[in-house]
Amino acid sequence: MIARFVLAALAASLATSAVAAQISYVRAGKLIDPQTGKVATDRLIRVEAGKITAVTAWTAPPKDGPVADWSGLTVLPGLIDMHTHLVDDEQSENIAQPLMRSASEQAYVGAAHARATLMAGFTSVRDVGSWRAFSDVALRDAIEVGHVPGPRMSVAGAYVTAPGGGGEITGLAPDVTIPAEMRRGVVEDAADVHKKVRALLVGGADFIKLIATGAVLTEGTEPGQLELSEDEIRAAVEEAAKRGTYATAHAHGAEGVKTAVRAGVRSIEHGSLIDDEGIALMKAKGVFLVADIYNGDFIDTYGREHHWPDGMIRKNRETTDAQREGFRKAVKAGVKIAYGTDAGVYPHGWNARQMPYMVKYGMTPMQAIQSATTVAAELMGKTGQVGCDAPGCFADLIAVAGDPLADISVLTAVPKVMKGGVLVKDER
């Protein structure tokens, strides 16, 4: 039985590779190019070996490959979400939820979330932490070889957090033992940070996720409270740099943001209570902001209806409006904004619901699209590979009815999705 399953998976992977290697075309009614900020009409996109090889004006049907006729649609690069949690269960009122499934059960949950994300038009994601160390690495690798459908993933491996901090499972009885694999990134001091970060990168992590402050959704922690010192954060940054990568910091509080930026992180996650000094510092150092400004409304409505802990509801209320005002100021100041939603707090596949919020709080529709394409790609170090629709880019494309530059909400319903030249969703 196992042998048959492996052979079937291998056959499916080989079939997908064969399709991607063929020459094919996409006819785009409108083509949004976020690299230039321009829109062209009636374009022909040539795809070979999973990448775009040419973009020209449509003249006549080519004879060396099939054409996907998207002439009545607006085409743009597959979107990128820089703050997801694909492997874990979605947030619930049960603080012990991470302990309720076996590792094998959790793998199937992650596969389902990955598929939902891809079908929503997000062809790349950065997964910024899972409770079980390296479960995100396993999902990334399974997607890459074609065992399960999903977006291209860049993963953190585990949270690097202080004992009892925002990256720990808290609120349980004191005699409950948390499995070691769920505490792989818990650090005691800067020397321990070096050791734990090195182990995460050797284990397959693409970057490092630091929990610099308390968290809205972790019981017993406060968003404004600094949990890692500047020396500890800098130790992670230095260790990551040795291996050619970077660290990002979960930081809600104003001091946490500034401490992490001074220590050299590449991006700030959330930034809920950021102040003017922090914004100026991020701008000066070229640090990216990844702010989940949709989540507050979802937590307030769904969380109350489903009786999430009072502390979570309170902290969400105290940070939501402040985060949105800080986001508006950061946009105005010219801080680099990369699209990130904290998918997993809300249902996976809803990723694009944040798009209208980006526009409401200061971005133009083109800027919002760029945040989820070119800016996100820059943050990941993948400029010219993903988040683009020019020659040399992966043929990760989506198509929508209507014009997202006139109504950004059309991106919440994506009927056509292509990843690596393979059409993975084709709704009429």
Protein backbone atom coordinates (compact mmCIF):
# COMPACT_ATOMS: atom_id res chain seq x y z
CA MET A 1 0.00 0.00 0.00
CA ILE A 2 2.78 2.45 0.95
CA ALA A 3 4.72 1.58 -2.20
CA ARG A 4 1.67 2.24 -4.38
CA PHE A 5 1.13 5.60 -2.66
CA VAL A 6 4.76 6.64 -3.20
CA LEU A 7 4.65 5.59 -6.87
CA ALA A 8 1.40 7.49 -7.40
CA ALA A 9 2.84 10.62 -5.82
CA LEU A 10 5.98 10.32 -7.93
CA ALA A 11 3.92 9.89 -11.09
CA ALA A 12 1.86 12.98 -10.25
CA SER A 13 5.03 14.97 -9.60
CA LEU A 14 6.60 13.87 -12.88
CA ALA A 15 3.40 14.71 -14.77
CA THR A 16 3.35 18.20 -13.26
CA SER A 17 7.02 18.68 -14.19
CA ALA A 18 6.32 17.57 -17.76
CA VAL A 19 3.47 20.06 -18.11
CA ALA A 20 5.60 22.87 -16.68
CA ALA A 21 8.39 22.09 -19.17
CA GLN A 22 6.14 22.57 -22.21
CA ILE A 23 5.80 25.86 -24.04
CA SER A 24 2.47 27.51 -23.33
CA TYR A 25 0.93 30.96 -23.44
CA VAL A 26 -1.44 33.22 -21.55
CA ARG A 27 -3.42 35.91 -23.30
CA ALA A 28 -4.07 38.75 -20.86
CA GLY A 29 -6.82 41.28 -21.43
CA LYS A 30 -5.04 43.64 -19.05
CA LEU A 31 -1.64 42.96 -17.51
CA ILE A 32 -0.61 44.72 -14.31
CA ASP A 33 3.18 44.98 -14.00
CA PRO A 34 3.93 45.88 -10.37
CA GLN A 35 7.64 46.31 -11.12
CA THR A 36 6.94 49.32 -13.34
CA GLY A 37 3.56 50.27 -11.89
CA LYS A 38 2.06 50.18 -15.38
CA VAL A 39 -0.84 48.39 -17.06
CA ALA A 40 -0.74 47.03 -20.60
CA THR A 41 -3.63 45.70 -22.68
CA ASP A 42 -3.95 42.58 -24.82
CA ARG A 43 -0.60 40.98 -23.93
CA LEU A 44 0.75 37.53 -24.80
CA ILE A 45 2.81 35.87 -22.06
CA ARG A 46 5.10 33.05 -23.18
CA VAL A 47 5.86 30.37 -20.59
CA GLU A 48 8.55 27.70 -20.81
CA ALA A 49 9.96 25.40 -18.12
CA GLY A 50 7.81 27.10 -15.53
CA LYS A 51 9.09 30.60 -16.19
CA ILE A 52 8.02 33.59 -18.25
CA THR A 53 10.25 33.95 -21.29
CA ALA A 54 8.55 36.80 -23.15
CA VAL A 55 5.72 39.33 -22.88
CA THR A 56 4.57 40.79 -26.19
CA ALA A 57 1.54 42.33 -27.83
CA TRP A 58 -1.12 39.86 -28.94
CA THR A 59 -1.23 39.52 -32.72
CA ALA A 60 -2.26 35.99 -33.63
CA PRO A 61 -2.47 32.61 -31.87
CA PRO A 62 1.00 31.05 -31.58
CA LYS A 63 1.49 27.62 -33.11
CA ASP A 64 4.04 26.09 -30.74
CA GLY A 65 1.87 25.77 -27.63
CA PRO A 66 -1.61 26.10 -26.12
CA VAL A 67 -3.02 29.48 -25.10
CA ALA A 68 -4.95 30.11 -21.88
CA ASP A 69 -7.45 32.73 -22.96
CA TRP A 70 -7.66 35.28 -20.17
CA SER A 71 -8.46 38.08 -22.61
CA GLY A 72 -11.54 39.12 -20.64
CA LEU A 73 -9.65 39.31 -17.35
CA THR A 74 -7.02 41.34 -15.53
CA VAL A 75 -3.79 39.40 -15.02
CA LEU A 76 -1.14 40.05 -12.39
CA PRO A 77 1.56 38.11 -10.56
CA GLY A 78 0.57 35.55 -7.95
CA LEU A 79 0.25 37.31 -4.61
CA ILE A 80 2.57 36.91 -1.63
CA ASP A 81 1.57 36.81 2.07
CA MET A 82 4.56 37.51 4.30
CA HIS A 83 2.93 36.48 7.60
CA THR A 84 1.16 33.12 7.62
CA HIS A 85 0.91 30.09 9.91
CA LEU A 86 -0.03 27.24 7.57
CA VAL A 87 0.88 24.21 9.67
CA ASP A 88 -1.00 24.92 12.89
CA ASP A 89 -4.73 24.85 13.56
CA GLU A 90 -6.57 28.11 13.15
CA GLN A 91 -6.91 30.22 16.30
CA SER A 92 -9.65 29.13 18.69
CA GLU A 93 -10.85 29.74 22.24
CA ASN A 94 -8.93 26.64 23.40
CA ILE A 95 -5.46 27.66 24.56
CA ALA A 96 -4.44 23.97 24.63
CA GLN A 97 -5.35 23.45 20.95
CA PRO A 98 -1.72 22.96 19.83
CA LEU A 99 -1.58 19.86 22.05
CA MET A 100 -4.76 18.27 20.72
CA ARG A 101 -3.41 16.65 17.55
CA SER A 102 -0.62 14.23 16.74
CA ALA A 103 2.19 15.34 14.47
CA SER A 104 0.84 13.20 11.62
CA GLU A 105 -2.67 14.68 11.98
CA GLN A 106 -1.17 18.17 11.99
CA ALA A 107 0.62 17.47 8.71
CA TYR A 108 -2.72 16.90 6.98
CA VAL A 109 -4.07 20.13 8.49
CA GLY A 110 -1.09 22.02 7.07
CA ALA A 111 -1.61 20.48 3.64
CA ALA A 112 -5.25 21.62 3.63
CA HIS A 113 -4.26 25.15 4.62
CA ALA A 114 -1.60 25.25 1.91
CA ARG A 115 -4.10 24.28 -0.76
CA ALA A 116 -6.64 26.88 0.40
CA THR A 117 -3.95 29.57 0.29
CA LEU A 118 -2.89 28.64 -3.24
CA MET A 119 -6.50 28.57 -4.47
CA ALA A 120 -6.93 32.11 -3.10
CA GLY A 121 -4.22 33.31 -5.51
CA PHE A 122 -1.30 33.43 -3.07
CA THR A 123 1.43 31.54 -4.87
CA SER A 124 4.18 32.38 -2.36
CA VAL A 125 4.15 32.83 1.41
CA ARG A 126 6.50 33.38 4.26
CA ASP A 127 5.47 31.10 7.14
CA VAL A 128 6.57 32.80 10.33
CA GLY A 129 6.40 30.05 12.91
CA SER A 130 4.73 26.81 13.93
CA TRP A 131 4.38 25.14 17.30
CA ARG A 132 6.10 21.92 16.22
CA ALA A 133 9.65 22.70 15.18
CA PHE A 134 10.38 22.05 11.50
CA SER A 135 6.82 21.03 10.60
CA ASP A 136 6.83 24.04 8.28
CA VAL A 137 10.08 22.79 6.73
CA ALA A 138 8.41 19.45 5.98
CA LEU A 139 5.39 21.14 4.38
CA ARG A 140 7.62 23.41 2.28
CA ASP A 141 9.57 20.43 1.02
CA ALA A 142 6.44 18.36 0.30
CA ILE A 143 5.08 21.22 -1.83
CA GLU A 144 8.38 21.64 -3.67
CA VAL A 145 8.51 18.01 -4.78
CA GLY A 146 4.82 17.99 -5.74
CA HIS A 147 3.40 15.71 -3.04
CA VAL A 148 0.80 18.32 -2.02
CA PRO A 149 -0.43 21.51 -3.71
CA GLY A 150 0.49 24.78 -2.10
CA PRO A 151 2.38 28.04 -2.43
CA ARG A 152 6.14 28.44 -2.51
CA MET A 153 7.12 28.68 1.15
CA SER A 154 9.90 30.44 3.05
CA VAL A 155 9.86 29.13 6.63
CA ALA A 156 11.12 29.97 10.13
CA GLY A 157 11.34 26.48 11.63
CA ALA A 158 10.18 27.58 15.10
CA TYR A 159 9.70 30.68 17.24
CA VAL A 160 12.74 32.11 19.02
CA THR A 161 11.23 33.32 22.27
CA ALA A 162 11.93 34.00 25.93
CA PRO A 163 10.73 31.41 28.47
CA GLY A 164 7.01 31.97 29.00
CA GLY A 165 7.00 34.58 26.26
CA GLY A 166 4.82 35.29 23.25
CA GLY A 167 6.13 32.27 21.35
CA GLU A 168 5.31 29.76 24.08
CA ILE A 169 2.12 27.78 24.82
CA THR A 170 0.97 29.42 28.04
CA GLY A 171 -2.00 29.39 30.40
CA LEU A 172 -1.87 25.65 31.12
CA ALA A 173 -1.69 24.01 34.55
CA PRO A 174 1.84 24.16 36.02
CA ASP A 175 2.24 20.38 35.98
CA VAL A 176 1.51 20.07 32.24
CA THR A 177 4.69 19.33 30.29
CA ILE A 178 5.00 20.91 26.87
CA PRO A 179 6.72 18.60 24.33
CA ALA A 180 10.35 19.48 23.63
CA GLU A 181 9.65 19.98 19.93
CA MET A 182 7.33 22.85 20.89
CA ARG A 183 10.08 24.59 22.88
CA ARG A 184 12.94 24.23 20.41
CA GLY A 185 13.41 28.00 20.11
CA VAL A 186 13.11 28.98 23.79
CA VAL A 187 16.26 30.90 24.72
CA GLU A 188 17.85 31.92 28.03
CA ASP A 189 20.49 34.46 26.92
CA ALA A 190 22.49 35.69 23.92
CA ALA A 191 24.79 32.67 23.93
CA ASP A 192 21.77 30.39 23.87
CA VAL A 193 20.33 32.44 20.99
CA HIS A 194 23.42 31.71 18.90
CA LYS A 195 23.08 28.00 19.63
CA LYS A 196 19.32 27.75 18.99
CA VAL A 197 19.36 29.90 15.85
CA ARG A 198 22.21 27.87 14.42
CA ALA A 199 20.24 24.66 15.05
CA LEU A 200 17.13 26.06 13.36
CA LEU A 201 19.04 27.08 10.24
CA VAL A 202 20.87 23.75 10.07
CA GLY A 203 17.49 22.05 10.42
CA GLY A 204 16.15 23.75 7.30
CA ALA A 205 14.76 27.14 8.33
CA ASP A 206 15.04 29.86 5.67
CA PHE A 207 15.10 32.78 8.11
CA ILE A 208 14.65 33.42 11.84
CA LYS A 209 11.50 34.62 13.58
CA LEU A 210 12.05 36.38 16.91
CA ILE A 211 9.32 37.11 19.45
CA ALA A 212 10.66 40.43 20.73
CA THR A 213 7.56 41.46 22.70
CA GLY A 214 4.48 39.92 24.25
CA ALA A 215 1.60 38.85 22.03
CA VAL A 216 -2.08 39.64 21.68
CA LEU A 217 -3.03 35.98 21.42
CA THR A 218 -0.68 34.48 24.03
CA GLU A 219 -2.11 34.38 27.55
CA GLY A 220 0.03 35.95 30.26
CA THR A 221 1.99 38.25 27.94
CA GLU A 222 1.45 41.92 27.08
CA PRO A 223 2.05 43.40 23.60
CA GLY A 224 3.97 46.38 24.91
CA GLN A 225 6.34 44.32 27.04
CA LEU A 226 9.89 43.75 25.75
CA GLU A 227 10.80 40.06 26.06
CA LEU A 228 14.14 39.76 24.24
CA SER A 229 17.03 42.12 24.91
CA GLU A 230 18.85 44.03 22.19
CA ASP A 231 21.87 41.77 22.70
CA GLU A 232 19.73 38.65 22.26
CA ILE A 233 18.11 40.00 19.10
CA ARG A 234 21.50 41.05 17.72
CA ALA A 235 22.85 37.55 18.40
CA ALA A 236 20.11 36.11 16.19
CA VAL A 237 20.77 38.67 13.47
CA GLU A 238 24.49 37.88 13.51
CA GLU A 239 23.98 34.12 13.45
CA ALA A 240 21.52 34.39 10.57
CA ALA A 241 23.90 36.65 8.62
CA LYS A 242 26.65 34.02 8.88
CA ARG A 243 24.40 31.75 6.82
CA GLY A 244 23.31 34.40 4.33
CA THR A 245 19.86 35.06 5.74
CA TYR A 246 18.05 37.38 8.14
CA ALA A 247 15.87 37.69 11.23
CA THR A 248 12.43 39.22 11.53
CA ALA A 249 10.88 40.35 14.80
CA HIS A 250 7.36 40.06 16.14
CA ALA A 251 7.16 43.42 17.91
CA HIS A 252 3.96 45.14 19.03
CA GLY A 253 5.34 47.63 21.53
CA ALA A 254 7.09 50.87 20.55
CA GLU A 255 10.26 50.04 22.51
CA GLY A 256 10.27 46.52 21.12
CA VAL A 257 10.13 47.87 17.58
CA LYS A 258 13.03 50.26 18.13
CA THR A 259 15.11 47.69 19.99
CA ALA A 260 14.68 45.15 17.16
CA VAL A 261 15.47 47.72 14.47
CA ARG A 262 18.62 48.87 16.26
CA ALA A 263 19.68 45.22 16.57
CA GLY A 264 19.47 44.78 12.80
CA VAL A 265 16.31 42.84 11.96
CA ARG A 266 15.11 42.95 8.36
CA SER A 267 11.41 43.35 9.12
CA ILE A 268 9.00 44.13 11.93
CA GLU A 269 5.86 42.02 12.29
CA HIS A 270 2.70 43.75 13.61
CA GLY A 271 4.19 47.05 14.85
CA SER A 272 0.91 47.72 16.63
CA LEU A 273 2.10 50.42 19.06
CA ILE A 274 4.84 51.90 16.89
CA ASP A 275 5.66 55.56 17.55
CA ASP A 276 7.02 58.34 15.33
CA GLU A 277 10.59 57.65 16.42
CA GLY A 278 10.23 54.00 15.47
CA ILE A 279 8.80 54.89 12.07
CA ALA A 280 11.68 57.27 11.38
CA LEU A 281 14.20 54.64 12.47
CA MET A 282 12.65 52.00 10.20
CA LYS A 283 12.67 54.40 7.27
CA ALA A 284 16.31 55.36 7.86
CA LYS A 285 17.47 51.74 8.09
CA GLY A 286 15.28 50.37 5.30
CA VAL A 287 13.46 47.95 7.61
CA PHE A 288 10.20 46.52 6.28
CA LEU A 289 6.88 46.71 8.14
CA VAL A 290 4.51 43.71 7.93
CA ALA A 291 1.29 44.82 9.63
CA ASP A 292 -1.80 42.59 9.88
CA ILE A 293 -4.37 45.39 9.88
CA TYR A 294 -7.37 43.20 8.94
CA ASN A 295 -7.12 40.89 11.95
CA GLY A 296 -8.46 43.29 14.55
CA ASP A 297 -11.98 43.29 13.17
CA PHE A 298 -12.04 39.51 12.77
CA ILE A 299 -10.85 38.91 16.33
CA ASP A 300 -13.29 41.40 17.80
CA THR A 301 -16.29 39.86 16.02
CA TYR A 302 -15.46 36.16 15.77
CA GLY A 303 -13.48 36.04 19.01
CA ARG A 304 -16.35 37.51 21.02
CA GLU A 305 -18.88 35.20 19.38
CA HIS A 306 -16.76 32.13 20.17
CA HIS A 307 -15.73 33.23 23.66
CA TRP A 308 -12.02 33.65 23.15
CA PRO A 309 -10.26 34.48 26.47
CA ASP A 310 -11.02 37.94 27.82
CA GLY A 311 -7.34 38.86 27.81
CA MET A 312 -7.09 38.26 24.05
CA ILE A 313 -10.14 40.41 23.37
CA ARG A 314 -8.83 43.20 25.59
CA LYS A 315 -5.37 43.23 24.02
CA ASN A 316 -6.86 43.17 20.54
CA ARG A 317 -9.03 46.16 21.40
CA GLU A 318 -6.04 48.06 22.78
CA THR A 319 -3.89 47.50 19.69
CA THR A 320 -6.22 47.52 16.66
CA ASP A 321 -6.80 51.25 16.16
CA ALA A 322 -3.26 52.13 17.20
CA GLN A 323 -1.84 49.67 14.67
CA ARG A 324 -3.90 51.15 11.85
CA GLU A 325 -2.88 54.68 12.71
CA GLY A 326 0.77 53.61 12.86
CA PHE A 327 0.36 51.89 9.50
CA ARG A 328 -1.05 55.07 7.98
CA LYS A 329 1.88 57.08 9.30
CA ALA A 330 4.39 54.51 8.04
CA VAL A 331 2.90 54.60 4.55
CA LYS A 332 3.05 58.40 4.52
CA ALA A 333 6.66 58.33 5.74
CA GLY A 334 7.71 55.98 2.95
CA VAL A 335 8.51 52.92 5.08
CA LYS A 336 8.65 49.73 3.00
CA ILE A 337 5.37 47.89 3.58
CA ALA A 338 5.23 44.17 2.79
CA TYR A 339 1.85 42.45 2.75
CA GLY A 340 1.25 40.13 5.70
CA THR A 341 -1.97 39.01 7.31
CA ASP A 342 -1.33 36.56 10.18
CA ALA A 343 -3.34 33.93 8.30
CA GLY A 344 -4.34 31.27 10.78
CA VAL A 345 -5.87 33.76 13.15
CA TYR A 346 -8.63 33.96 10.54
CA PRO A 347 -9.40 31.11 8.07
CA HIS A 348 -6.75 30.34 5.47
CA GLY A 349 -7.79 31.41 2.00
CA TRP A 350 -9.12 34.75 3.21
CA ASN A 351 -5.68 36.36 2.72
CA ALA A 352 -6.84 38.99 0.22
CA ARG A 353 -9.46 40.40 2.60
CA GLN A 354 -6.76 42.70 3.95
CA MET A 355 -6.31 44.38 0.57
CA PRO A 356 -9.18 46.88 1.03
CA TYR A 357 -7.82 47.75 4.48
CA MET A 358 -4.44 48.64 2.98
CA VAL A 359 -6.19 51.11 0.68
CA LYS A 360 -8.46 52.44 3.44
CA TYR A 361 -5.45 53.20 5.61
CA GLY A 362 -3.32 55.11 3.16
CA MET A 363 -2.16 53.07 0.17
CA THR A 364 -3.17 53.42 -3.44
CA PRO A 365 -4.45 50.19 -5.03
CA MET A 366 -1.18 49.87 -6.96
CA GLN A 367 0.83 50.27 -3.75
CA ALA A 368 -1.26 47.58 -2.08
CA ILE A 369 -0.63 45.21 -5.00
CA GLN A 370 3.07 46.04 -4.93
CA SER A 371 3.20 45.32 -1.20
CA ALA A 372 1.95 41.79 -1.99
CA THR A 373 4.26 41.32 -4.98
CA THR A 374 7.45 43.30 -5.57
CA VAL A 375 7.97 44.59 -2.02
CA ALA A 376 7.30 41.17 -0.49
CA ALA A 377 9.72 39.60 -2.98
CA GLU A 378 12.38 42.15 -2.03
CA LEU A 379 11.95 41.34 1.66
CA MET A 380 12.45 37.62 0.93
CA GLY A 381 15.43 38.29 -1.32
CA LYS A 382 13.55 36.94 -4.34
CA THR A 383 13.24 40.00 -6.56
CA GLY A 384 12.89 38.96 -10.20
CA GLN A 385 11.76 35.46 -9.21
CA VAL A 386 8.32 35.90 -7.64
CA GLY A 387 5.86 38.78 -7.40
CA CYS A 388 6.56 39.77 -11.00
CA ASP A 389 5.27 39.00 -14.50
CA ALA A 390 8.26 39.85 -16.67
CA PRO A 391 10.73 37.59 -18.50
CA GLY A 392 12.77 35.53 -16.05
CA CYS A 393 10.07 35.42 -13.37
CA PHE A 394 8.35 32.22 -12.33
CA ALA A 395 5.09 31.84 -14.24
CA ASP A 396 3.03 32.40 -11.10
CA LEU A 397 0.01 34.30 -12.38
CA ILE A 398 -3.55 35.04 -11.33
CA ALA A 399 -6.48 36.53 -13.22
CA VAL A 400 -9.54 38.33 -11.88
CA ALA A 401 -12.72 39.78 -13.30
CA GLY A 402 -12.80 43.55 -13.08
CA ASP A 403 -10.03 46.01 -12.38
CA PRO A 404 -8.29 45.80 -8.97
CA LEU A 405 -6.88 49.28 -9.51
CA ALA A 406 -10.45 50.58 -9.47
CA ASP A 407 -11.82 48.13 -6.88
CA ILE A 408 -9.13 46.30 -4.92
CA SER A 409 -11.72 43.92 -3.43
CA VAL A 410 -11.93 41.96 -6.70
CA LEU A 411 -8.75 40.22 -5.50
CA THR A 412 -10.81 38.40 -2.86
CA ALA A 413 -12.33 36.21 -5.62
CA VAL A 414 -9.64 34.76 -7.91
CA PRO A 415 -10.96 32.39 -10.61
CA LYS A 416 -7.64 31.62 -12.34
CA VAL A 417 -4.38 30.61 -10.66
CA MET A 418 -1.18 29.44 -12.34
CA LYS A 419 1.93 28.35 -10.46
CA GLY A 420 5.14 27.58 -12.30
CA GLY A 421 3.32 27.44 -15.63
CA VAL A 422 0.76 24.91 -14.37
CA LEU A 423 -2.89 25.97 -14.21
CA VAL A 424 -3.98 24.92 -10.71
CA LYS A 425 -7.35 26.69 -10.62
CA ASP A 426 -9.59 27.38 -13.59
CA GLU A 427 -13.05 28.58 -12.64
CA ARG A 428 -15.41 30.14 -15.14
